[in-house]
Amino acid sequence: MKIYVDQIECTGSGQCEQIAPRFFTVLDTGLATVVDDEGRPLLDGGAGVGTDVPEASIGEVRDAIDVCPGACIREIAREPH
């Protein structure tokens, strides 16, 4: 699974960061974004790049997706192998 935050739809509630801080952070702008493997925020919510979610963390990220009031956490479709 690879995800990003659609910042146009983001409400800045921070619920994603509370549930899955390893993958999300709320910026000084008040908008959420995903973070890279070293915890650095990705530009533009990670759109076009995304961040990888290991299999063991998919449930945690799905919980963040479910509670997001802006419904702005998106999954990037993987290319078929």
PDB file of N, CA and C in Angstrom:
ATOM      1  N   MET A   1       0.852  -1.173   0.000  1.00  0.00           N
ATOM      2  CA  MET A   1       0.000   0.000   0.000  1.00  0.00           C
ATOM      3  C   MET A   1       0.899   1.237   0.000  1.00  0.00           C
ATOM      4  N   LYS A   2       0.501   2.224  -0.820  1.00  0.00           N
ATOM      5  CA  LYS A   2       1.224   3.490  -0.892  1.00  0.00           C
ATOM      6  C   LYS A   2       0.167   4.589  -0.797  1.00  0.00           C
ATOM      7  N   ILE A   3       0.420   5.593   0.067  1.00  0.00           N
ATOM      8  CA  ILE A   3      -0.600   6.604   0.343  1.00  0.00           C
ATOM      9  C   ILE A   3      -0.065   8.026   0.220  1.00  0.00           C
ATOM     10  N   TYR A   4      -1.001   8.958   0.084  1.00  0.00           N
ATOM     11  CA  TYR A   4      -0.691  10.388   0.136  1.00  0.00           C
ATOM     12  C   TYR A   4      -1.913  11.110   0.685  1.00  0.00           C
ATOM     13  N   VAL A   5      -1.774  12.396   0.970  1.00  0.00           N
ATOM     14  CA  VAL A   5      -2.871  13.220   1.469  1.00  0.00           C
ATOM     15  C   VAL A   5      -3.242  14.231   0.386  1.00  0.00           C
ATOM     16  N   ASP A   6      -4.507  14.240   0.003  1.00  0.00           N
ATOM     17  CA  ASP A   6      -5.025  15.246  -0.923  1.00  0.00           C
ATOM     18  C   ASP A   6      -5.248  16.512  -0.099  1.00  0.00           C
ATOM     19  N   GLN A   7      -4.307  17.426  -0.159  1.00  0.00           N
ATOM     20  CA  GLN A   7      -4.355  18.605   0.708  1.00  0.00           C
ATOM     21  C   GLN A   7      -5.485  19.566   0.357  1.00  0.00           C
ATOM     22  N   ILE A   8      -6.054  19.458  -0.820  1.00  0.00           N
ATOM     23  CA  ILE A   8      -7.210  20.291  -1.168  1.00  0.00           C
ATOM     24  C   ILE A   8      -8.403  19.908  -0.302  1.00  0.00           C
ATOM     25  N   GLU A   9      -8.519  18.632   0.017  1.00  0.00           N
ATOM     26  CA  GLU A   9      -9.640  18.127   0.818  1.00  0.00           C
ATOM     27  C   GLU A   9      -9.345  18.096   2.319  1.00  0.00           C
ATOM     28  N   CYS A  10      -8.094  18.279   2.705  1.00  0.00           N
ATOM     29  CA  CYS A  10      -7.685  18.155   4.106  1.00  0.00           C
ATOM     30  C   CYS A  10      -8.323  19.241   4.975  1.00  0.00           C
ATOM     31  N   THR A  11      -8.876  18.808   6.108  1.00  0.00           N
ATOM     32  CA  THR A  11      -9.467  19.746   7.065  1.00  0.00           C
ATOM     33  C   THR A  11      -8.497  20.117   8.182  1.00  0.00           C
ATOM     34  N   GLY A  12      -7.374  19.416   8.262  1.00  0.00           N
ATOM     35  CA  GLY A  12      -6.377  19.706   9.287  1.00  0.00           C
ATOM     36  C   GLY A  12      -6.770  19.254  10.681  1.00  0.00           C
ATOM     37  N   SER A  13      -7.672  18.293  10.777  1.00  0.00           N
ATOM     38  CA  SER A  13      -8.125  17.837  12.094  1.00  0.00           C
ATOM     39  C   SER A  13      -7.020  17.149  12.890  1.00  0.00           C
ATOM     40  N   GLY A  14      -6.066  16.551  12.200  1.00  0.00           N
ATOM     41  CA  GLY A  14      -4.950  15.889  12.869  1.00  0.00           C
ATOM     42  C   GLY A  14      -5.250  14.491  13.360  1.00  0.00           C
ATOM     43  N   GLN A  15      -6.421  13.966  13.053  1.00  0.00           N
ATOM     44  CA  GLN A  15      -6.760  12.620  13.515  1.00  0.00           C
ATOM     45  C   GLN A  15      -5.846  11.565  12.902  1.00  0.00           C
ATOM     46  N   CYS A  16      -5.424  11.785  11.655  1.00  0.00           N
ATOM     47  CA  CYS A  16      -4.511  10.827  11.022  1.00  0.00           C
ATOM     48  C   CYS A  16      -3.194  10.757  11.797  1.00  0.00           C
ATOM     49  N   GLU A  17      -2.691  11.913  12.194  1.00  0.00           N
ATOM     50  CA  GLU A  17      -1.432  11.975  12.943  1.00  0.00           C
ATOM     51  C   GLU A  17      -1.572  11.315  14.316  1.00  0.00           C
ATOM     52  N   GLN A  18      -2.725  11.467  14.949  1.00  0.00           N
ATOM     53  CA  GLN A  18      -2.945  10.842  16.255  1.00  0.00           C
ATOM     54  C   GLN A  18      -3.000   9.327  16.149  1.00  0.00           C
ATOM     55  N   ILE A  19      -3.620   8.819  15.091  1.00  0.00           N
ATOM     56  CA  ILE A  19      -3.779   7.377  14.935  1.00  0.00           C
ATOM     57  C   ILE A  19      -2.531   6.710  14.361  1.00  0.00           C
ATOM     58  N   ALA A  20      -1.896   7.367  13.403  1.00  0.00           N
ATOM     59  CA  ALA A  20      -0.749   6.758  12.710  1.00  0.00           C
ATOM     60  C   ALA A  20       0.386   7.775  12.545  1.00  0.00           C
ATOM     61  N   PRO A  21       1.002   8.194  13.655  1.00  0.00           N
ATOM     62  CA  PRO A  21       2.048   9.226  13.576  1.00  0.00           C
ATOM     63  C   PRO A  21       3.284   8.807  12.794  1.00  0.00           C
ATOM     64  N   ARG A  22       3.456   7.540  12.585  1.00  0.00           N
ATOM     65  CA  ARG A  22       4.592   7.067  11.784  1.00  0.00           C
ATOM     66  C   ARG A  22       4.418   7.429  10.304  1.00  0.00           C
ATOM     67  N   PHE A  23       3.186   7.725   9.896  1.00  0.00           N
ATOM     68  CA  PHE A  23       2.904   7.968   8.483  1.00  0.00           C
ATOM     69  C   PHE A  23       2.385   9.367   8.173  1.00  0.00           C
ATOM     70  N   PHE A  24       1.878  10.075   9.187  1.00  0.00           N
ATOM     71  CA  PHE A  24       1.259  11.381   8.958  1.00  0.00           C
ATOM     72  C   PHE A  24       1.788  12.433   9.919  1.00  0.00           C
ATOM     73  N   THR A  25       1.790  13.680   9.455  1.00  0.00           N
ATOM     74  CA  THR A  25       2.071  14.812  10.321  1.00  0.00           C
ATOM     75  C   THR A  25       1.242  15.987   9.830  1.00  0.00           C
ATOM     76  N   VAL A  26       0.900  16.884  10.752  1.00  0.00           N
ATOM     77  CA  VAL A  26       0.205  18.116  10.393  1.00  0.00           C
ATOM     78  C   VAL A  26       1.252  19.223  10.361  1.00  0.00           C
ATOM     79  N   LEU A  27       1.298  19.916   9.248  1.00  0.00           N
ATOM     80  CA  LEU A  27       2.289  20.970   9.023  1.00  0.00           C
ATOM     81  C   LEU A  27       1.874  22.282   9.676  1.00  0.00           C
ATOM     82  N   ASP A  28       2.785  23.240   9.708  1.00  0.00           N
ATOM     83  CA  ASP A  28       2.480  24.572  10.233  1.00  0.00           C
ATOM     84  C   ASP A  28       1.355  25.244   9.456  1.00  0.00           C
ATOM     85  N   THR A  29       1.125  24.812   8.231  1.00  0.00           N
ATOM     86  CA  THR A  29       0.042  25.357   7.399  1.00  0.00           C
ATOM     87  C   THR A  29      -1.323  24.880   7.868  1.00  0.00           C
ATOM     88  N   GLY A  30      -1.325  23.869   8.755  1.00  0.00           N
ATOM     89  CA  GLY A  30      -2.578  23.293   9.228  1.00  0.00           C
ATOM     90  C   GLY A  30      -3.059  22.128   8.392  1.00  0.00           C
ATOM     91  N   LEU A  31      -2.291  21.758   7.390  1.00  0.00           N
ATOM     92  CA  LEU A  31      -2.657  20.639   6.526  1.00  0.00           C
ATOM     93  C   LEU A  31      -1.803  19.420   6.845  1.00  0.00           C
ATOM     94  N   ALA A  32      -2.397  18.249   6.675  1.00  0.00           N
ATOM     95  CA  ALA A  32      -1.664  17.010   6.909  1.00  0.00           C
ATOM     96  C   ALA A  32      -0.873  16.628   5.666  1.00  0.00           C
ATOM     97  N   THR A  33       0.154  15.824   5.888  1.00  0.00           N
ATOM     98  CA  THR A  33       0.928  15.222   4.810  1.00  0.00           C
ATOM     99  C   THR A  33       1.434  13.876   5.299  1.00  0.00           C
ATOM    100  N   VAL A  34       1.905  13.072   4.369  1.00  0.00           N
ATOM    101  CA  VAL A  34       2.564  11.834   4.758  1.00  0.00           C
ATOM    102  C   VAL A  34       4.043  12.127   4.962  1.00  0.00           C
ATOM    103  N   VAL A  35       4.712  11.233   5.654  1.00  0.00           N
ATOM    104  CA  VAL A  35       6.139  11.395   5.909  1.00  0.00           C
ATOM    105  C   VAL A  35       6.908  10.248   5.261  1.00  0.00           C
ATOM    106  N   ASP A  36       8.191  10.495   4.976  1.00  0.00           N
ATOM    107  CA  ASP A  36       9.026   9.449   4.391  1.00  0.00           C
ATOM    108  C   ASP A  36       9.512   8.503   5.491  1.00  0.00           C
ATOM    109  N   ASP A  37      10.348   7.557   5.116  1.00  0.00           N
ATOM    110  CA  ASP A  37      10.843   6.553   6.068  1.00  0.00           C
ATOM    111  C   ASP A  37      11.630   7.144   7.225  1.00  0.00           C
ATOM    112  N   GLU A  38      12.147   8.360   7.044  1.00  0.00           N
ATOM    113  CA  GLU A  38      12.921   9.013   8.101  1.00  0.00           C
ATOM    114  C   GLU A  38      12.092  10.040   8.870  1.00  0.00           C
ATOM    115  N   GLY A  39      10.776  10.069   8.609  1.00  0.00           N
ATOM    116  CA  GLY A  39       9.894  10.969   9.333  1.00  0.00           C
ATOM    117  C   GLY A  39       9.824  12.384   8.789  1.00  0.00           C
ATOM    118  N   ARG A  40      10.414  12.607   7.612  1.00  0.00           N
ATOM    119  CA  ARG A  40      10.375  13.940   7.001  1.00  0.00           C
ATOM    120  C   ARG A  40       9.083  14.106   6.204  1.00  0.00           C
ATOM    121  N   PRO A  41       8.401  15.245   6.378  1.00  0.00           N
ATOM    122  CA  PRO A  41       7.166  15.477   5.633  1.00  0.00           C
ATOM    123  C   PRO A  41       7.424  15.603   4.134  1.00  0.00           C
ATOM    124  N   LEU A  42       6.529  15.017   3.352  1.00  0.00           N
ATOM    125  CA  LEU A  42       6.620  15.120   1.899  1.00  0.00           C
ATOM    126  C   LEU A  42       5.831  16.335   1.421  1.00  0.00           C
ATOM    127  N   LEU A  43       6.332  16.989   0.389  1.00  0.00           N
ATOM    128  CA  LEU A  43       5.672  18.159  -0.178  1.00  0.00           C
ATOM    129  C   LEU A  43       4.327  17.787  -0.798  1.00  0.00           C
ATOM    130  N   ASP A  44       3.418  18.732  -0.809  1.00  0.00           N
ATOM    131  CA  ASP A  44       2.106  18.566  -1.449  1.00  0.00           C
ATOM    132  C   ASP A  44       1.359  17.329  -0.970  1.00  0.00           C
ATOM    133  N   GLY A  45       1.527  16.991   0.292  1.00  0.00           N
ATOM    134  CA  GLY A  45       0.833  15.835   0.847  1.00  0.00           C
ATOM    135  C   GLY A  45       1.393  14.503   0.393  1.00  0.00           C
ATOM    136  N   GLY A  46       2.479  14.570  -0.387  1.00  0.00           N
ATOM    137  CA  GLY A  46       3.063  13.349  -0.935  1.00  0.00           C
ATOM    138  C   GLY A  46       2.432  12.960  -2.267  1.00  0.00           C
ATOM    139  N   ALA A  47       1.594  13.833  -2.825  1.00  0.00           N
ATOM    140  CA  ALA A  47       0.937  13.537  -4.101  1.00  0.00           C
ATOM    141  C   ALA A  47       1.976  13.231  -5.166  1.00  0.00           C
ATOM    142  N   GLY A  48       1.734  12.200  -5.931  1.00  0.00           N
ATOM    143  CA  GLY A  48       2.651  11.810  -6.997  1.00  0.00           C
ATOM    144  C   GLY A  48       3.804  10.952  -6.535  1.00  0.00           C
ATOM    145  N   VAL A  49       4.077  10.971  -5.233  1.00  0.00           N
ATOM    146  CA  VAL A  49       5.190  10.202  -4.683  1.00  0.00           C
ATOM    147  C   VAL A  49       4.666   9.174  -3.686  1.00  0.00           C
ATOM    148  N   GLY A  50       3.928   9.651  -2.706  1.00  0.00           N
ATOM    149  CA  GLY A  50       3.372   8.788  -1.672  1.00  0.00           C
ATOM    150  C   GLY A  50       4.413   8.228  -0.736  1.00  0.00           C
ATOM    151  N   THR A  51       3.928   7.529   0.237  1.00  0.00           N
ATOM    152  CA  THR A  51       4.809   6.835   1.169  1.00  0.00           C
ATOM    153  C   THR A  51       4.322   5.399   1.292  1.00  0.00           C
ATOM    154  N   ASP A  52       5.270   4.480   1.411  1.00  0.00           N
ATOM    155  CA  ASP A  52       4.934   3.062   1.506  1.00  0.00           C
ATOM    156  C   ASP A  52       4.463   2.704   2.906  1.00  0.00           C
ATOM    157  N   VAL A  53       3.443   1.868   2.957  1.00  0.00           N
ATOM    158  CA  VAL A  53       2.922   1.361   4.223  1.00  0.00           C
ATOM    159  C   VAL A  53       3.201  -0.143   4.267  1.00  0.00           C
ATOM    160  N   PRO A  54       4.020  -0.586   5.203  1.00  0.00           N
ATOM    161  CA  PRO A  54       4.283  -2.025   5.310  1.00  0.00           C
ATOM    162  C   PRO A  54       3.008  -2.791   5.661  1.00  0.00           C
ATOM    163  N   GLU A  55       2.972  -4.025   5.262  1.00  0.00           N
ATOM    164  CA  GLU A  55       1.811  -4.896   5.502  1.00  0.00           C
ATOM    165  C   GLU A  55       1.358  -4.853   6.968  1.00  0.00           C
ATOM    166  N   ALA A  56       2.303  -4.867   7.893  1.00  0.00           N
ATOM    167  CA  ALA A  56       1.981  -4.886   9.316  1.00  0.00           C
ATOM    168  C   ALA A  56       1.294  -3.610   9.800  1.00  0.00           C
ATOM    169  N   SER A  57       1.380  -2.522   9.040  1.00  0.00           N
ATOM    170  CA  SER A  57       0.806  -1.239   9.456  1.00  0.00           C
ATOM    171  C   SER A  57      -0.445  -0.847   8.679  1.00  0.00           C
ATOM    172  N   ILE A  58      -0.881  -1.692   7.770  1.00  0.00           N
ATOM    173  CA  ILE A  58      -2.044  -1.347   6.945  1.00  0.00           C
ATOM    174  C   ILE A  58      -3.289  -1.112   7.790  1.00  0.00           C
ATOM    175  N   GLY A  59      -3.517  -1.905   8.820  1.00  0.00           N
ATOM    176  CA  GLY A  59      -4.687  -1.727   9.679  1.00  0.00           C
ATOM    177  C   GLY A  59      -4.694  -0.362  10.348  1.00  0.00           C
ATOM    178  N   GLU A  60      -3.556   0.061  10.832  1.00  0.00           N
ATOM    179  CA  GLU A  60      -3.410   1.367  11.480  1.00  0.00           C
ATOM    180  C   GLU A  60      -3.732   2.497  10.495  1.00  0.00           C
ATOM    181  N   VAL A  61      -3.208   2.383   9.288  1.00  0.00           N
ATOM    182  CA  VAL A  61      -3.456   3.410   8.272  1.00  0.00           C
ATOM    183  C   VAL A  61      -4.919   3.375   7.832  1.00  0.00           C
ATOM    184  N   ARG A  62      -5.500   2.207   7.695  1.00  0.00           N
ATOM    185  CA  ARG A  62      -6.929   2.104   7.345  1.00  0.00           C
ATOM    186  C   ARG A  62      -7.793   2.765   8.428  1.00  0.00           C
ATOM    187  N   ASP A  63      -7.398   2.631   9.688  1.00  0.00           N
ATOM    188  CA  ASP A  63      -8.119   3.310  10.777  1.00  0.00           C
ATOM    189  C   ASP A  63      -8.054   4.820  10.591  1.00  0.00           C
ATOM    190  N   ALA A  64      -6.880   5.339  10.218  1.00  0.00           N
ATOM    191  CA  ALA A  64      -6.731   6.779   9.971  1.00  0.00           C
ATOM    192  C   ALA A  64      -7.601   7.207   8.792  1.00  0.00           C
ATOM    193  N   ILE A  65      -7.635   6.394   7.746  1.00  0.00           N
ATOM    194  CA  ILE A  65      -8.482   6.686   6.584  1.00  0.00           C
ATOM    195  C   ILE A  65      -9.945   6.751   7.006  1.00  0.00           C
ATOM    196  N   ASP A  66     -10.370   5.805   7.825  1.00  0.00           N
ATOM    197  CA  ASP A  66     -11.775   5.725   8.243  1.00  0.00           C
ATOM    198  C   ASP A  66     -12.230   6.923   9.065  1.00  0.00           C
ATOM    199  N   VAL A  67     -11.354   7.496   9.886  1.00  0.00           N
ATOM    200  CA  VAL A  67     -11.768   8.608  10.758  1.00  0.00           C
ATOM    201  C   VAL A  67     -11.503   9.986  10.159  1.00  0.00           C
ATOM    202  N   CYS A  68     -10.818  10.046   9.046  1.00  0.00           N
ATOM    203  CA  CYS A  68     -10.472  11.337   8.439  1.00  0.00           C
ATOM    204  C   CYS A  68     -11.740  12.084   8.016  1.00  0.00           C
ATOM    205  N   PRO A  69     -12.033  13.239   8.646  1.00  0.00           N
ATOM    206  CA  PRO A  69     -13.264  13.960   8.316  1.00  0.00           C
ATOM    207  C   PRO A  69     -13.263  14.546   6.903  1.00  0.00           C
ATOM    208  N   GLY A  70     -12.088  14.765   6.332  1.00  0.00           N
ATOM    209  CA  GLY A  70     -12.009  15.299   4.978  1.00  0.00           C
ATOM    210  C   GLY A  70     -11.956  14.216   3.911  1.00  0.00           C
ATOM    211  N   ALA A  71     -11.860  12.960   4.348  1.00  0.00           N
ATOM    212  CA  ALA A  71     -11.727  11.821   3.425  1.00  0.00           C
ATOM    213  C   ALA A  71     -10.644  12.107   2.380  1.00  0.00           C
ATOM    214  N   CYS A  72      -9.494  12.577   2.870  1.00  0.00           N
ATOM    215  CA  CYS A  72      -8.448  13.059   1.955  1.00  0.00           C
ATOM    216  C   CYS A  72      -7.233  12.145   1.852  1.00  0.00           C
ATOM    217  N   ILE A  73      -7.225  11.037   2.569  1.00  0.00           N
ATOM    218  CA  ILE A  73      -6.094  10.113   2.474  1.00  0.00           C
ATOM    219  C   ILE A  73      -6.355   9.185   1.295  1.00  0.00           C
ATOM    220  N   ARG A  74      -5.439   9.196   0.363  1.00  0.00           N
ATOM    221  CA  ARG A  74      -5.622   8.451  -0.885  1.00  0.00           C
ATOM    222  C   ARG A  74      -4.568   7.354  -1.020  1.00  0.00           C
ATOM    223  N   GLU A  75      -4.967   6.305  -1.690  1.00  0.00           N
ATOM    224  CA  GLU A  75      -4.049   5.212  -1.991  1.00  0.00           C
ATOM    225  C   GLU A  75      -3.603   5.350  -3.440  1.00  0.00           C
ATOM    226  N   ILE A  76      -2.312   5.186  -3.666  1.00  0.00           N
ATOM    227  CA  ILE A  76      -1.764   5.217  -5.017  1.00  0.00           C
ATOM    228  C   ILE A  76      -1.817   3.793  -5.561  1.00  0.00           C
ATOM    229  N   ALA A  77      -2.435   3.654  -6.717  1.00  0.00           N
ATOM    230  CA  ALA A  77      -2.535   2.336  -7.341  1.00  0.00           C
ATOM    231  C   ALA A  77      -1.149   1.855  -7.757  1.00  0.00           C
ATOM    232  N   ARG A  78      -0.884   0.626  -7.493  1.00  0.00           N
ATOM    233  CA  ARG A  78       0.406   0.027  -7.859  1.00  0.00           C
ATOM    234  C   ARG A  78       0.350  -0.438  -9.313  1.00  0.00           C
ATOM    235  N   GLU A  79       1.498  -0.351  -9.959  1.00  0.00           N
ATOM    236  CA  GLU A  79       1.614  -0.873 -11.307  1.00  0.00           C
ATOM    237  C   GLU A  79       1.575  -2.401 -11.232  1.00  0.00           C
ATOM    238  N   PRO A  80       0.872  -3.059 -12.149  1.00  0.00           N
ATOM    239  CA  PRO A  80       0.871  -4.522 -12.143  1.00  0.00           C
ATOM    240  C   PRO A  80       2.268  -5.057 -12.448  1.00  0.00           C
ATOM    241  N   HIS A  81       2.599  -6.148 -11.804  1.00  0.00           N
ATOM    242  CA  HIS A  81       3.940  -6.746 -11.990  1.00  0.00           C
ATOM    243  C   HIS A  81       3.955  -7.616 -13.211  1.00  0.00           C
TER     244      HIS A  81
END
